N, C-alpha and C. Protein backbone atom coordinates (compact mmCIF):
# COMPACT_ATOMS: atom_id res chain seq x y z
N MET A 1 -76.00 -47.49 -9.66
CA MET A 1 -76.46 -46.16 -9.31
C MET A 1 -76.11 -45.23 -10.43
N ARG A 2 -77.16 -44.64 -11.03
CA ARG A 2 -76.91 -43.73 -12.12
C ARG A 2 -77.21 -42.31 -11.72
N GLY A 3 -77.46 -42.06 -10.45
CA GLY A 3 -77.93 -40.76 -10.02
C GLY A 3 -76.93 -39.66 -10.20
N HIS A 4 -75.67 -39.91 -10.22
CA HIS A 4 -74.66 -38.85 -10.31
C HIS A 4 -74.16 -38.65 -11.72
N GLY A 5 -74.70 -39.34 -12.71
CA GLY A 5 -74.31 -39.15 -14.10
C GLY A 5 -72.97 -39.76 -14.47
N LEU A 6 -72.46 -40.66 -13.64
CA LEU A 6 -71.18 -41.30 -13.94
C LEU A 6 -71.43 -42.68 -14.52
N ALA A 7 -70.88 -42.94 -15.66
CA ALA A 7 -71.01 -44.27 -16.26
C ALA A 7 -70.02 -45.20 -15.60
N THR A 8 -70.44 -46.42 -15.37
CA THR A 8 -69.55 -47.42 -14.78
C THR A 8 -68.56 -47.87 -15.83
N GLN A 9 -67.27 -47.84 -15.49
CA GLN A 9 -66.22 -48.28 -16.41
C GLN A 9 -65.54 -49.52 -15.84
N PRO A 10 -65.14 -50.42 -16.71
CA PRO A 10 -64.42 -51.59 -16.21
C PRO A 10 -63.10 -51.16 -15.60
N ALA A 11 -62.68 -51.91 -14.58
CA ALA A 11 -61.41 -51.60 -13.91
C ALA A 11 -60.26 -51.80 -14.90
N THR A 12 -59.27 -50.92 -14.83
CA THR A 12 -58.10 -51.04 -15.71
C THR A 12 -56.87 -51.32 -14.85
N THR A 13 -55.93 -52.02 -15.46
CA THR A 13 -54.67 -52.32 -14.77
C THR A 13 -53.67 -51.21 -15.08
N ALA A 14 -52.60 -51.19 -14.31
CA ALA A 14 -51.56 -50.18 -14.52
C ALA A 14 -50.94 -50.32 -15.90
N SER A 15 -50.78 -51.57 -16.36
CA SER A 15 -50.16 -51.77 -17.67
C SER A 15 -51.04 -51.22 -18.78
N GLU A 16 -52.37 -51.33 -18.63
CA GLU A 16 -53.26 -50.78 -19.63
C GLU A 16 -53.26 -49.26 -19.58
N ARG A 17 -53.23 -48.68 -18.38
CA ARG A 17 -53.24 -47.22 -18.26
C ARG A 17 -51.99 -46.57 -18.82
N PHE A 18 -50.84 -47.25 -18.64
CA PHE A 18 -49.59 -46.64 -19.07
C PHE A 18 -49.03 -47.25 -20.35
N GLY A 19 -49.78 -48.14 -20.98
CA GLY A 19 -49.37 -48.71 -22.26
C GLY A 19 -48.18 -49.66 -22.15
N ILE A 20 -48.07 -50.40 -21.05
CA ILE A 20 -46.95 -51.31 -20.85
C ILE A 20 -47.36 -52.71 -21.28
N ASN A 21 -46.56 -53.33 -22.11
CA ASN A 21 -46.78 -54.70 -22.52
C ASN A 21 -46.30 -55.61 -21.40
N ARG A 22 -47.19 -56.43 -20.86
CA ARG A 22 -46.85 -57.25 -19.69
C ARG A 22 -45.71 -58.23 -19.97
N THR A 23 -45.71 -58.86 -21.15
CA THR A 23 -44.65 -59.80 -21.49
C THR A 23 -43.30 -59.10 -21.55
N ALA A 24 -43.28 -57.91 -22.17
CA ALA A 24 -42.02 -57.17 -22.25
C ALA A 24 -41.55 -56.76 -20.87
N ALA A 25 -42.48 -56.37 -20.00
CA ALA A 25 -42.11 -55.96 -18.65
C ALA A 25 -41.51 -57.12 -17.87
N LEU A 26 -42.12 -58.30 -17.99
CA LEU A 26 -41.59 -59.46 -17.30
C LEU A 26 -40.20 -59.83 -17.83
N GLY A 27 -40.02 -59.74 -19.14
CA GLY A 27 -38.72 -60.03 -19.74
C GLY A 27 -37.65 -59.07 -19.25
N ALA A 28 -38.01 -57.78 -19.17
CA ALA A 28 -37.05 -56.78 -18.70
C ALA A 28 -36.68 -57.04 -17.24
N ALA A 29 -37.67 -57.38 -16.42
CA ALA A 29 -37.40 -57.64 -15.00
C ALA A 29 -36.47 -58.85 -14.85
N ALA A 30 -36.72 -59.90 -15.65
CA ALA A 30 -35.86 -61.09 -15.58
C ALA A 30 -34.45 -60.75 -16.00
N GLY A 31 -34.30 -59.93 -17.04
CA GLY A 31 -32.98 -59.53 -17.49
C GLY A 31 -32.23 -58.75 -16.42
N ILE A 32 -32.92 -57.83 -15.74
CA ILE A 32 -32.29 -57.05 -14.68
C ILE A 32 -31.84 -57.95 -13.55
N MET A 33 -32.67 -58.96 -13.20
CA MET A 33 -32.29 -59.88 -12.13
C MET A 33 -31.05 -60.68 -12.52
N LEU A 34 -30.98 -61.15 -13.77
CA LEU A 34 -29.82 -61.92 -14.21
C LEU A 34 -28.56 -61.07 -14.20
N LEU A 35 -28.68 -59.82 -14.66
CA LEU A 35 -27.52 -58.93 -14.62
C LEU A 35 -27.07 -58.69 -13.19
N GLY A 36 -28.01 -58.55 -12.29
CA GLY A 36 -27.67 -58.35 -10.89
C GLY A 36 -26.96 -59.56 -10.32
N LEU A 37 -27.40 -60.75 -10.68
CA LEU A 37 -26.73 -61.95 -10.21
C LEU A 37 -25.30 -62.01 -10.74
N GLY A 38 -25.14 -61.63 -12.02
CA GLY A 38 -23.80 -61.63 -12.61
C GLY A 38 -22.88 -60.66 -11.91
N ALA A 39 -23.40 -59.51 -11.51
CA ALA A 39 -22.57 -58.52 -10.84
C ALA A 39 -22.06 -59.04 -9.50
N PHE A 40 -22.81 -59.96 -8.88
CA PHE A 40 -22.39 -60.49 -7.59
C PHE A 40 -21.64 -61.81 -7.73
N GLY A 41 -21.27 -62.17 -8.98
CA GLY A 41 -20.40 -63.32 -9.18
C GLY A 41 -21.11 -64.65 -9.28
N PHE A 42 -22.41 -64.67 -9.43
CA PHE A 42 -23.10 -65.94 -9.60
C PHE A 42 -22.91 -66.39 -11.04
N GLY A 43 -22.45 -67.63 -11.24
CA GLY A 43 -22.07 -68.09 -12.56
C GLY A 43 -23.22 -68.52 -13.44
N ALA A 44 -24.46 -68.45 -12.99
CA ALA A 44 -25.56 -68.94 -13.80
C ALA A 44 -25.94 -67.98 -14.90
N VAL A 45 -25.33 -66.81 -14.95
CA VAL A 45 -25.75 -65.79 -15.91
C VAL A 45 -25.35 -66.15 -17.32
N SER A 46 -24.12 -66.54 -17.53
CA SER A 46 -23.66 -66.87 -18.86
C SER A 46 -22.91 -68.18 -18.82
N PRO A 47 -22.93 -68.92 -19.94
CA PRO A 47 -22.22 -70.19 -19.94
C PRO A 47 -20.72 -69.95 -19.87
N VAL A 48 -20.02 -70.73 -19.05
CA VAL A 48 -18.58 -70.60 -18.93
C VAL A 48 -17.96 -71.98 -19.10
N SER A 49 -16.68 -71.98 -19.46
CA SER A 49 -15.97 -73.24 -19.57
C SER A 49 -15.80 -73.86 -18.19
N ARG A 50 -15.82 -75.17 -18.16
CA ARG A 50 -15.59 -75.86 -16.90
C ARG A 50 -14.11 -76.16 -16.78
N SER A 51 -13.66 -76.27 -15.54
CA SER A 51 -12.27 -76.66 -15.34
C SER A 51 -12.13 -78.16 -15.53
N ASP A 52 -10.89 -78.59 -15.81
CA ASP A 52 -10.63 -80.02 -15.97
C ASP A 52 -10.84 -80.73 -14.65
N GLN A 53 -11.55 -81.83 -14.67
CA GLN A 53 -11.84 -82.60 -13.47
C GLN A 53 -11.19 -83.98 -13.60
N ILE A 54 -9.93 -84.08 -13.17
CA ILE A 54 -9.20 -85.34 -13.23
C ILE A 54 -8.92 -85.79 -11.80
N SER A 55 -9.42 -86.96 -11.43
CA SER A 55 -9.20 -87.46 -10.06
C SER A 55 -7.76 -87.95 -9.91
N GLY A 56 -7.35 -88.14 -8.68
CA GLY A 56 -6.01 -88.66 -8.41
C GLY A 56 -5.78 -90.02 -9.02
N SER A 57 -6.80 -90.89 -8.94
CA SER A 57 -6.65 -92.24 -9.50
C SER A 57 -6.59 -92.19 -11.03
N GLN A 58 -7.37 -91.29 -11.64
CA GLN A 58 -7.30 -91.14 -13.09
C GLN A 58 -5.93 -90.64 -13.52
N ALA A 59 -5.38 -89.66 -12.78
CA ALA A 59 -4.06 -89.12 -13.10
C ALA A 59 -2.99 -90.21 -12.98
N ALA A 60 -3.11 -91.07 -11.96
CA ALA A 60 -2.15 -92.15 -11.78
C ALA A 60 -2.22 -93.15 -12.93
N MET A 61 -3.43 -93.46 -13.39
CA MET A 61 -3.60 -94.38 -14.52
C MET A 61 -3.01 -93.78 -15.79
N LEU A 62 -3.23 -92.48 -16.01
CA LEU A 62 -2.67 -91.82 -17.18
C LEU A 62 -1.14 -91.83 -17.14
N ALA A 63 -0.58 -91.57 -15.96
CA ALA A 63 0.88 -91.58 -15.81
C ALA A 63 1.45 -92.96 -16.09
N ALA A 64 0.79 -94.02 -15.59
CA ALA A 64 1.26 -95.38 -15.82
C ALA A 64 1.18 -95.73 -17.30
N GLY A 65 0.09 -95.36 -17.95
CA GLY A 65 -0.05 -95.62 -19.39
C GLY A 65 1.01 -94.89 -20.20
N PHE A 66 1.32 -93.67 -19.80
CA PHE A 66 2.33 -92.88 -20.49
C PHE A 66 3.72 -93.51 -20.34
N ARG A 67 4.03 -93.99 -19.12
CA ARG A 67 5.35 -94.61 -18.88
C ARG A 67 5.55 -95.84 -19.75
N ASN A 68 4.49 -96.56 -20.06
CA ASN A 68 4.59 -97.80 -20.82
C ASN A 68 4.41 -97.60 -22.32
N ALA A 69 4.24 -96.37 -22.76
CA ALA A 69 3.94 -96.10 -24.17
C ALA A 69 5.21 -95.95 -24.99
N SER A 70 5.07 -96.15 -26.28
CA SER A 70 6.14 -95.88 -27.22
C SER A 70 5.51 -95.66 -28.59
N GLY A 71 6.28 -95.11 -29.47
CA GLY A 71 5.78 -94.84 -30.82
C GLY A 71 6.69 -93.86 -31.51
N SER A 72 6.26 -93.40 -32.66
CA SER A 72 7.02 -92.40 -33.40
C SER A 72 6.05 -91.36 -33.92
N LEU A 73 6.60 -90.21 -34.30
CA LEU A 73 5.77 -89.20 -34.94
C LEU A 73 5.35 -89.71 -36.31
N LEU A 74 4.24 -89.20 -36.81
CA LEU A 74 3.77 -89.64 -38.11
C LEU A 74 4.66 -89.06 -39.20
N PRO A 75 4.96 -89.84 -40.23
CA PRO A 75 5.95 -89.41 -41.23
C PRO A 75 5.45 -88.23 -42.08
N VAL A 76 6.43 -87.49 -42.58
CA VAL A 76 6.18 -86.34 -43.45
C VAL A 76 6.64 -86.71 -44.86
N ASP A 77 5.81 -86.39 -45.85
CA ASP A 77 6.13 -86.67 -47.24
C ASP A 77 7.11 -85.61 -47.75
N LEU A 78 8.31 -86.03 -48.08
CA LEU A 78 9.31 -85.11 -48.62
C LEU A 78 9.65 -85.46 -50.07
N SER A 79 8.63 -85.87 -50.81
CA SER A 79 8.86 -86.26 -52.21
C SER A 79 9.33 -85.05 -53.01
N ALA A 80 10.05 -85.33 -54.08
CA ALA A 80 10.69 -84.28 -54.87
C ALA A 80 9.68 -83.32 -55.51
N ASN A 81 8.47 -83.80 -55.79
CA ASN A 81 7.51 -82.93 -56.47
C ASN A 81 6.80 -81.98 -55.51
N GLN A 82 7.09 -82.07 -54.24
CA GLN A 82 6.47 -81.18 -53.25
C GLN A 82 7.40 -80.01 -52.98
N ASP A 83 6.84 -78.82 -52.78
CA ASP A 83 7.66 -77.66 -52.42
C ASP A 83 8.07 -77.83 -50.96
N ARG A 84 9.27 -78.33 -50.76
CA ARG A 84 9.71 -78.71 -49.43
C ARG A 84 9.86 -77.52 -48.49
N SER A 85 10.27 -76.38 -49.03
CA SER A 85 10.46 -75.21 -48.16
C SER A 85 9.12 -74.70 -47.63
N LYS A 86 8.05 -74.84 -48.41
CA LYS A 86 6.73 -74.40 -47.93
C LYS A 86 6.27 -75.23 -46.74
N LEU A 87 6.72 -76.46 -46.72
CA LEU A 87 6.37 -77.34 -45.61
C LEU A 87 6.85 -76.77 -44.28
N LEU A 88 7.96 -76.07 -44.30
CA LEU A 88 8.56 -75.55 -43.08
C LEU A 88 8.03 -74.19 -42.65
N ASP A 89 7.09 -73.63 -43.41
CA ASP A 89 6.55 -72.30 -43.08
C ASP A 89 6.00 -72.25 -41.66
N SER A 90 5.39 -73.34 -41.19
CA SER A 90 4.78 -73.32 -39.85
C SER A 90 5.82 -73.23 -38.75
N LEU A 91 7.08 -73.52 -39.06
CA LEU A 91 8.13 -73.44 -38.05
C LEU A 91 8.66 -72.01 -37.88
N ASN A 92 8.19 -71.08 -38.72
CA ASN A 92 8.60 -69.68 -38.65
C ASN A 92 10.11 -69.51 -38.76
N LEU A 93 10.70 -70.20 -39.71
CA LEU A 93 12.13 -70.09 -39.96
C LEU A 93 12.38 -69.14 -41.12
N THR A 94 13.55 -68.51 -41.10
CA THR A 94 13.94 -67.72 -42.27
C THR A 94 14.27 -68.69 -43.40
N LYS A 95 14.35 -68.17 -44.62
CA LYS A 95 14.65 -69.06 -45.75
C LYS A 95 16.00 -69.76 -45.58
N PRO A 96 17.07 -69.05 -45.16
CA PRO A 96 18.35 -69.77 -44.95
C PRO A 96 18.24 -70.84 -43.86
N GLN A 97 17.49 -70.56 -42.78
CA GLN A 97 17.33 -71.56 -41.72
C GLN A 97 16.57 -72.78 -42.24
N ALA A 98 15.52 -72.54 -43.02
CA ALA A 98 14.75 -73.65 -43.59
C ALA A 98 15.62 -74.49 -44.52
N GLU A 99 16.46 -73.83 -45.33
CA GLU A 99 17.33 -74.58 -46.24
C GLU A 99 18.34 -75.41 -45.47
N ARG A 100 18.90 -74.86 -44.37
CA ARG A 100 19.84 -75.62 -43.55
C ARG A 100 19.15 -76.83 -42.91
N LEU A 101 17.91 -76.61 -42.43
CA LEU A 101 17.18 -77.71 -41.80
C LEU A 101 16.90 -78.82 -42.82
N LEU A 102 16.48 -78.45 -44.03
CA LEU A 102 16.22 -79.46 -45.06
C LEU A 102 17.50 -80.22 -45.41
N ALA A 103 18.63 -79.52 -45.43
CA ALA A 103 19.91 -80.21 -45.71
C ALA A 103 20.22 -81.20 -44.61
N MET A 104 19.95 -80.83 -43.34
CA MET A 104 20.18 -81.76 -42.22
C MET A 104 19.24 -82.96 -42.31
N VAL A 105 18.00 -82.72 -42.76
CA VAL A 105 17.05 -83.84 -42.95
C VAL A 105 17.59 -84.77 -44.02
N ASP A 106 18.08 -84.21 -45.13
CA ASP A 106 18.61 -85.03 -46.21
C ASP A 106 19.81 -85.86 -45.76
N ARG A 107 20.61 -85.33 -44.83
CA ARG A 107 21.79 -86.06 -44.33
C ARG A 107 21.42 -87.00 -43.19
N GLY A 108 20.17 -87.00 -42.73
CA GLY A 108 19.75 -87.88 -41.65
C GLY A 108 20.05 -87.32 -40.26
N GLU A 109 20.44 -86.04 -40.19
CA GLU A 109 20.74 -85.42 -38.90
C GLU A 109 19.49 -84.91 -38.20
N ARG A 110 18.44 -84.71 -38.94
CA ARG A 110 17.14 -84.29 -38.40
C ARG A 110 16.06 -85.13 -39.07
N THR A 111 14.96 -85.28 -38.35
CA THR A 111 13.79 -85.99 -38.89
C THR A 111 12.59 -85.06 -38.76
N LEU A 112 11.73 -85.06 -39.76
CA LEU A 112 10.49 -84.30 -39.70
C LEU A 112 9.34 -85.26 -39.42
N GLY A 113 8.46 -84.86 -38.53
CA GLY A 113 7.30 -85.69 -38.22
C GLY A 113 6.10 -84.82 -37.86
N TRP A 114 4.92 -85.38 -38.04
CA TRP A 114 3.69 -84.71 -37.64
C TRP A 114 3.31 -85.14 -36.23
N LEU A 115 2.99 -84.17 -35.40
CA LEU A 115 2.47 -84.45 -34.06
C LEU A 115 1.09 -83.82 -33.97
N THR A 116 0.09 -84.63 -33.70
CA THR A 116 -1.28 -84.14 -33.54
C THR A 116 -1.61 -84.15 -32.06
N LEU A 117 -2.17 -83.04 -31.58
CA LEU A 117 -2.51 -82.95 -30.16
C LEU A 117 -3.82 -82.21 -29.98
N TRP A 118 -4.50 -82.48 -28.85
CA TRP A 118 -5.80 -81.90 -28.56
C TRP A 118 -6.04 -81.93 -27.06
N ASP A 119 -7.02 -81.14 -26.62
CA ASP A 119 -7.41 -81.12 -25.20
C ASP A 119 -8.21 -82.39 -24.93
N SER A 120 -7.73 -83.19 -24.00
CA SER A 120 -8.37 -84.49 -23.73
C SER A 120 -9.43 -84.41 -22.65
N SER A 121 -9.66 -83.23 -22.09
CA SER A 121 -10.71 -83.07 -21.08
C SER A 121 -11.61 -81.92 -21.53
N ASP A 122 -11.92 -81.00 -20.63
CA ASP A 122 -12.76 -79.87 -21.01
C ASP A 122 -11.92 -78.82 -21.72
N GLU A 123 -12.48 -78.28 -22.79
CA GLU A 123 -11.79 -77.23 -23.53
C GLU A 123 -11.89 -75.95 -22.71
N ASP A 124 -10.81 -75.63 -22.00
CA ASP A 124 -10.89 -74.52 -21.04
C ASP A 124 -9.73 -73.53 -21.16
N GLY A 125 -9.06 -73.52 -22.31
CA GLY A 125 -8.01 -72.53 -22.53
C GLY A 125 -6.61 -73.02 -22.21
N ASP A 126 -6.41 -74.34 -22.10
CA ASP A 126 -5.07 -74.86 -21.85
C ASP A 126 -4.15 -74.58 -23.05
N VAL A 127 -2.86 -74.35 -22.75
CA VAL A 127 -1.85 -74.14 -23.79
C VAL A 127 -0.65 -75.02 -23.45
N ALA A 128 -0.12 -75.70 -24.47
CA ALA A 128 1.09 -76.51 -24.32
C ALA A 128 2.11 -76.07 -25.35
N SER A 129 3.38 -76.39 -25.10
CA SER A 129 4.41 -76.13 -26.10
C SER A 129 5.12 -77.43 -26.44
N ILE A 130 5.64 -77.47 -27.67
CA ILE A 130 6.41 -78.61 -28.17
C ILE A 130 7.80 -78.08 -28.46
N THR A 131 8.83 -78.75 -27.92
CA THR A 131 10.21 -78.31 -28.14
C THR A 131 11.02 -79.48 -28.66
N ALA A 132 11.73 -79.24 -29.76
CA ALA A 132 12.64 -80.22 -30.33
C ALA A 132 13.62 -79.48 -31.23
N SER A 133 14.85 -79.92 -31.27
CA SER A 133 15.89 -79.31 -32.11
C SER A 133 16.03 -77.82 -31.87
N GLY A 134 15.75 -77.35 -30.67
CA GLY A 134 15.88 -75.92 -30.37
C GLY A 134 14.73 -75.07 -30.87
N ILE A 135 13.68 -75.69 -31.40
CA ILE A 135 12.50 -74.95 -31.89
C ILE A 135 11.34 -75.24 -30.95
N THR A 136 10.72 -74.17 -30.43
CA THR A 136 9.55 -74.31 -29.55
C THR A 136 8.33 -73.74 -30.25
N GLN A 137 7.23 -74.50 -30.21
CA GLN A 137 5.96 -74.07 -30.80
C GLN A 137 4.88 -74.16 -29.74
N HIS A 138 4.07 -73.10 -29.62
CA HIS A 138 2.97 -73.07 -28.65
C HIS A 138 1.66 -73.43 -29.36
N VAL A 139 0.84 -74.22 -28.67
CA VAL A 139 -0.43 -74.68 -29.23
C VAL A 139 -1.55 -74.45 -28.22
N MET A 140 -2.58 -73.71 -28.63
CA MET A 140 -3.80 -73.59 -27.83
C MET A 140 -4.57 -74.89 -28.02
N LEU A 141 -4.85 -75.57 -26.92
CA LEU A 141 -5.48 -76.89 -27.00
C LEU A 141 -6.99 -76.75 -27.09
N THR A 142 -7.56 -77.40 -28.07
CA THR A 142 -9.01 -77.45 -28.24
C THR A 142 -9.40 -78.91 -28.40
N ARG A 143 -10.69 -79.17 -28.42
CA ARG A 143 -11.15 -80.55 -28.65
C ARG A 143 -10.87 -80.98 -30.08
N ALA A 144 -10.75 -80.02 -30.99
CA ALA A 144 -10.41 -80.35 -32.37
C ALA A 144 -8.89 -80.56 -32.47
N PRO A 145 -8.44 -81.67 -33.04
CA PRO A 145 -7.00 -81.94 -33.11
C PRO A 145 -6.25 -80.89 -33.94
N THR A 146 -5.05 -80.54 -33.48
CA THR A 146 -4.16 -79.62 -34.19
C THR A 146 -2.92 -80.39 -34.61
N ARG A 147 -2.57 -80.33 -35.90
CA ARG A 147 -1.40 -81.03 -36.41
C ARG A 147 -0.23 -80.05 -36.51
N VAL A 148 0.91 -80.45 -35.94
CA VAL A 148 2.08 -79.58 -35.87
C VAL A 148 3.27 -80.30 -36.49
N LEU A 149 4.02 -79.59 -37.33
CA LEU A 149 5.24 -80.14 -37.90
C LEU A 149 6.36 -80.00 -36.88
N VAL A 150 7.07 -81.10 -36.63
CA VAL A 150 8.15 -81.10 -35.65
C VAL A 150 9.43 -81.59 -36.32
N ALA A 151 10.50 -80.81 -36.16
CA ALA A 151 11.83 -81.22 -36.62
C ALA A 151 12.59 -81.68 -35.38
N TYR A 152 13.04 -82.92 -35.37
CA TYR A 152 13.71 -83.44 -34.18
C TYR A 152 14.95 -84.23 -34.55
N ILE A 153 15.81 -84.41 -33.57
CA ILE A 153 17.05 -85.14 -33.76
C ILE A 153 16.78 -86.61 -33.45
N PRO A 154 17.04 -87.51 -34.39
CA PRO A 154 16.79 -88.93 -34.12
C PRO A 154 17.51 -89.40 -32.86
N GLY A 155 16.78 -90.08 -32.00
CA GLY A 155 17.34 -90.59 -30.76
C GLY A 155 17.26 -89.61 -29.60
N GLN A 156 16.82 -88.37 -29.87
CA GLN A 156 16.67 -87.39 -28.80
C GLN A 156 15.19 -87.10 -28.60
N PRO A 157 14.81 -86.69 -27.38
CA PRO A 157 13.38 -86.55 -27.08
C PRO A 157 12.73 -85.31 -27.70
N VAL A 158 11.41 -85.43 -27.81
CA VAL A 158 10.55 -84.30 -28.13
C VAL A 158 9.82 -83.96 -26.83
N TYR A 159 9.90 -82.70 -26.42
CA TYR A 159 9.36 -82.29 -25.12
C TYR A 159 8.01 -81.59 -25.25
N ILE A 160 7.13 -81.89 -24.30
CA ILE A 160 5.85 -81.19 -24.16
C ILE A 160 5.87 -80.48 -22.81
N THR A 161 5.52 -79.19 -22.81
CA THR A 161 5.50 -78.40 -21.57
C THR A 161 4.12 -77.80 -21.38
N GLY A 162 3.61 -77.85 -20.16
CA GLY A 162 2.37 -77.16 -19.83
C GLY A 162 2.66 -75.66 -19.72
N GLU A 163 2.04 -74.86 -20.55
CA GLU A 163 2.30 -73.42 -20.58
C GLU A 163 1.22 -72.62 -19.86
N ARG A 164 -0.03 -73.01 -20.03
CA ARG A 164 -1.13 -72.29 -19.36
C ARG A 164 -2.22 -73.27 -19.01
N ASP A 165 -2.65 -73.21 -17.75
CA ASP A 165 -3.76 -74.04 -17.26
C ASP A 165 -5.00 -73.15 -17.27
N GLY A 166 -5.88 -73.39 -18.26
CA GLY A 166 -7.00 -72.50 -18.48
C GLY A 166 -7.87 -72.23 -17.26
N MET A 167 -8.57 -73.25 -16.76
CA MET A 167 -9.53 -73.06 -15.68
C MET A 167 -9.23 -73.95 -14.47
N GLY A 168 -8.02 -74.49 -14.40
CA GLY A 168 -7.66 -75.36 -13.29
C GLY A 168 -7.74 -76.82 -13.66
N GLY A 169 -7.11 -77.67 -12.87
CA GLY A 169 -7.14 -79.11 -13.11
C GLY A 169 -5.96 -79.61 -13.91
N GLY A 170 -5.04 -78.71 -14.29
CA GLY A 170 -3.87 -79.11 -15.06
C GLY A 170 -4.07 -78.92 -16.55
N VAL A 171 -2.95 -78.95 -17.27
CA VAL A 171 -2.98 -78.88 -18.73
C VAL A 171 -3.22 -80.30 -19.22
N THR A 172 -4.39 -80.54 -19.79
CA THR A 172 -4.79 -81.89 -20.17
C THR A 172 -4.73 -82.02 -21.69
N LEU A 173 -4.00 -83.04 -22.16
CA LEU A 173 -3.90 -83.22 -23.60
C LEU A 173 -3.61 -84.66 -23.96
N SER A 174 -3.92 -84.97 -25.19
CA SER A 174 -3.55 -86.25 -25.80
C SER A 174 -2.77 -85.94 -27.06
N VAL A 175 -1.90 -86.88 -27.44
CA VAL A 175 -1.16 -86.77 -28.69
C VAL A 175 -1.40 -88.03 -29.50
N GLU A 176 -1.18 -87.92 -30.80
CA GLU A 176 -1.28 -89.12 -31.64
C GLU A 176 0.11 -89.49 -32.12
N LEU A 177 0.50 -90.72 -31.82
CA LEU A 177 1.75 -91.27 -32.30
C LEU A 177 1.43 -92.36 -33.32
N SER A 178 2.46 -92.98 -33.85
CA SER A 178 2.26 -94.05 -34.83
C SER A 178 1.47 -95.21 -34.24
N THR A 179 1.53 -95.36 -32.92
CA THR A 179 0.82 -96.45 -32.25
C THR A 179 -0.61 -96.08 -31.87
N GLY A 180 -1.02 -94.85 -32.14
CA GLY A 180 -2.39 -94.43 -31.85
C GLY A 180 -2.43 -93.29 -30.84
N PRO A 181 -3.64 -92.91 -30.40
CA PRO A 181 -3.77 -91.81 -29.43
C PRO A 181 -3.14 -92.17 -28.09
N LEU A 182 -2.47 -91.17 -27.49
CA LEU A 182 -1.83 -91.36 -26.20
C LEU A 182 -2.22 -90.21 -25.27
N PRO A 183 -3.09 -90.48 -24.27
CA PRO A 183 -3.41 -89.42 -23.31
C PRO A 183 -2.25 -89.21 -22.35
N LEU A 184 -1.89 -87.94 -22.14
CA LEU A 184 -0.80 -87.62 -21.22
C LEU A 184 -1.36 -87.36 -19.83
N PRO A 185 -0.56 -87.58 -18.80
CA PRO A 185 -1.01 -87.19 -17.46
C PRO A 185 -1.14 -85.66 -17.41
N PRO A 186 -2.04 -85.12 -16.57
CA PRO A 186 -2.19 -83.66 -16.49
C PRO A 186 -0.86 -83.00 -16.12
N LEU A 187 -0.55 -81.90 -16.80
CA LEU A 187 0.71 -81.20 -16.57
C LEU A 187 0.45 -79.93 -15.77
N ALA A 188 1.32 -79.65 -14.81
CA ALA A 188 1.29 -78.35 -14.13
C ALA A 188 1.94 -77.33 -15.05
N VAL A 189 1.65 -76.06 -14.84
CA VAL A 189 2.28 -75.01 -15.64
C VAL A 189 3.79 -75.06 -15.37
N GLY A 190 4.57 -75.13 -16.45
CA GLY A 190 6.01 -75.22 -16.34
C GLY A 190 6.55 -76.64 -16.29
N GLN A 191 5.67 -77.62 -16.14
CA GLN A 191 6.11 -79.03 -16.10
C GLN A 191 6.38 -79.51 -17.51
N THR A 192 7.50 -80.22 -17.70
CA THR A 192 7.91 -80.72 -19.01
C THR A 192 8.06 -82.23 -18.96
N ILE A 193 7.57 -82.91 -19.99
CA ILE A 193 7.78 -84.35 -20.11
C ILE A 193 8.29 -84.64 -21.52
N ALA A 194 9.01 -85.75 -21.63
CA ALA A 194 9.55 -86.17 -22.92
C ALA A 194 8.60 -87.21 -23.51
N LEU A 195 8.23 -87.01 -24.77
CA LEU A 195 7.38 -88.00 -25.43
C LEU A 195 8.19 -89.28 -25.66
N PRO A 196 7.53 -90.43 -25.56
CA PRO A 196 8.24 -91.70 -25.73
C PRO A 196 8.45 -92.03 -27.22
N ILE A 197 9.30 -91.22 -27.86
CA ILE A 197 9.56 -91.38 -29.29
C ILE A 197 10.67 -92.41 -29.49
N GLN A 198 10.44 -93.36 -30.39
CA GLN A 198 11.45 -94.37 -30.69
C GLN A 198 12.45 -93.85 -31.70
């Protein structure tokens, strides 16, 4: 019908009338929905670390393996051409303390060894400490191994303590001794075990 002088125009959508890009609008709506889910505690919004999942039977097997294990810390090179005091920097000792410790090592009253440890389950923020000879060192456990210098008294234990359980399931870690990797049973926060050092 052309009687009223109006030209027929194709129908337009709201997005065309207001200059809205449909893809951008859908993306914005999805983002708002995800933010809303996050505000109500739904975990699908962002990736999070998982908690350690160790069953009772797995924990019992780890405990049995640990009870039957033995080994020594990996040796430290104390050759004369090496700056021996720099080696002790990681222990955070004063220079006089480091010199006294090196003298005790030379007399056989202390032994230096490398202890490598890592998170043996999910990397979820676990922290452990190593204590020997009155020196305690804290280590954030990751899947990447961390090597720690340990000064210990021959014949006396080196202790590992669970300091922080990141996301639940216990403080899970493995250590490397001269006999190879040794997975430890999961530790509760504050629980201490002695490494089977020969």
